[in-house]
Amino acid sequence: MYAQDPGTVLGSLIPFRFCIDSSGECISRQQERTTGFVERFQHLPCVLGKNVFTSGKHYWEVENRGSLEVAAGVCREDIMGIPGGSTMCPKAGIWAVGWSSAGFWPLTGTSVSPTKREPALQRVGVFLDHGAGEVSFYNAVDGEHLHTFSCSSSLPLRPFFWLTPLASVVIPPVTGGK
């Protein structure tokens, strides 16, 4: 199971609520106040997974619990120091895709129109091959390939999550889908 690290939540965004339910780990942006964490995002509404990957192959799935925009992928372990005004993109050390009811899009640092899917994309599989320096994204329901990024094979990487206000995602157990 891939757990989230509540200590990485953006300081002004402490509206993230973490809960575990029967279907997996849930991340929601809700109005709650938590204190005592020192390692926080300073400029992005993001949270990281607790796992740190330095080698090997890793797979997890992320389910969007609504139609609002969310993103998932991997990032450099030291991403908390990202400067203000930075864009979520490979140049900043973030390799991720975003999706909502409008479609999906790779976070490349340039504005792209979402690729529409019918039915709407709900569950994305993230496959990190650290040795090959690649992270690939799939529709976890039918196995369709969505996008592949080349990423650093020498830096420690962590799971990365971004949510718009009121969005929520679940990291369900992988059941060996397509």
Foldseek 3Di string as FASTA:
>chain_A
DWAWDLLAAAQVQNQWDWDADPFFTKIWRHDDDDDDHDNYAHAARKTWTPDKDQAAKDKFKKFWPAQFKKKKAKFFPPLSPQDHPDFQAVVSGHWMKMFGCQAIDTRHVDDDRHDHDVPGQTMKMWMDHLQQQKIWIARQAAGHTDDMDRHHSRGIMTMMMHGDHGIMMGTGDDDPGD
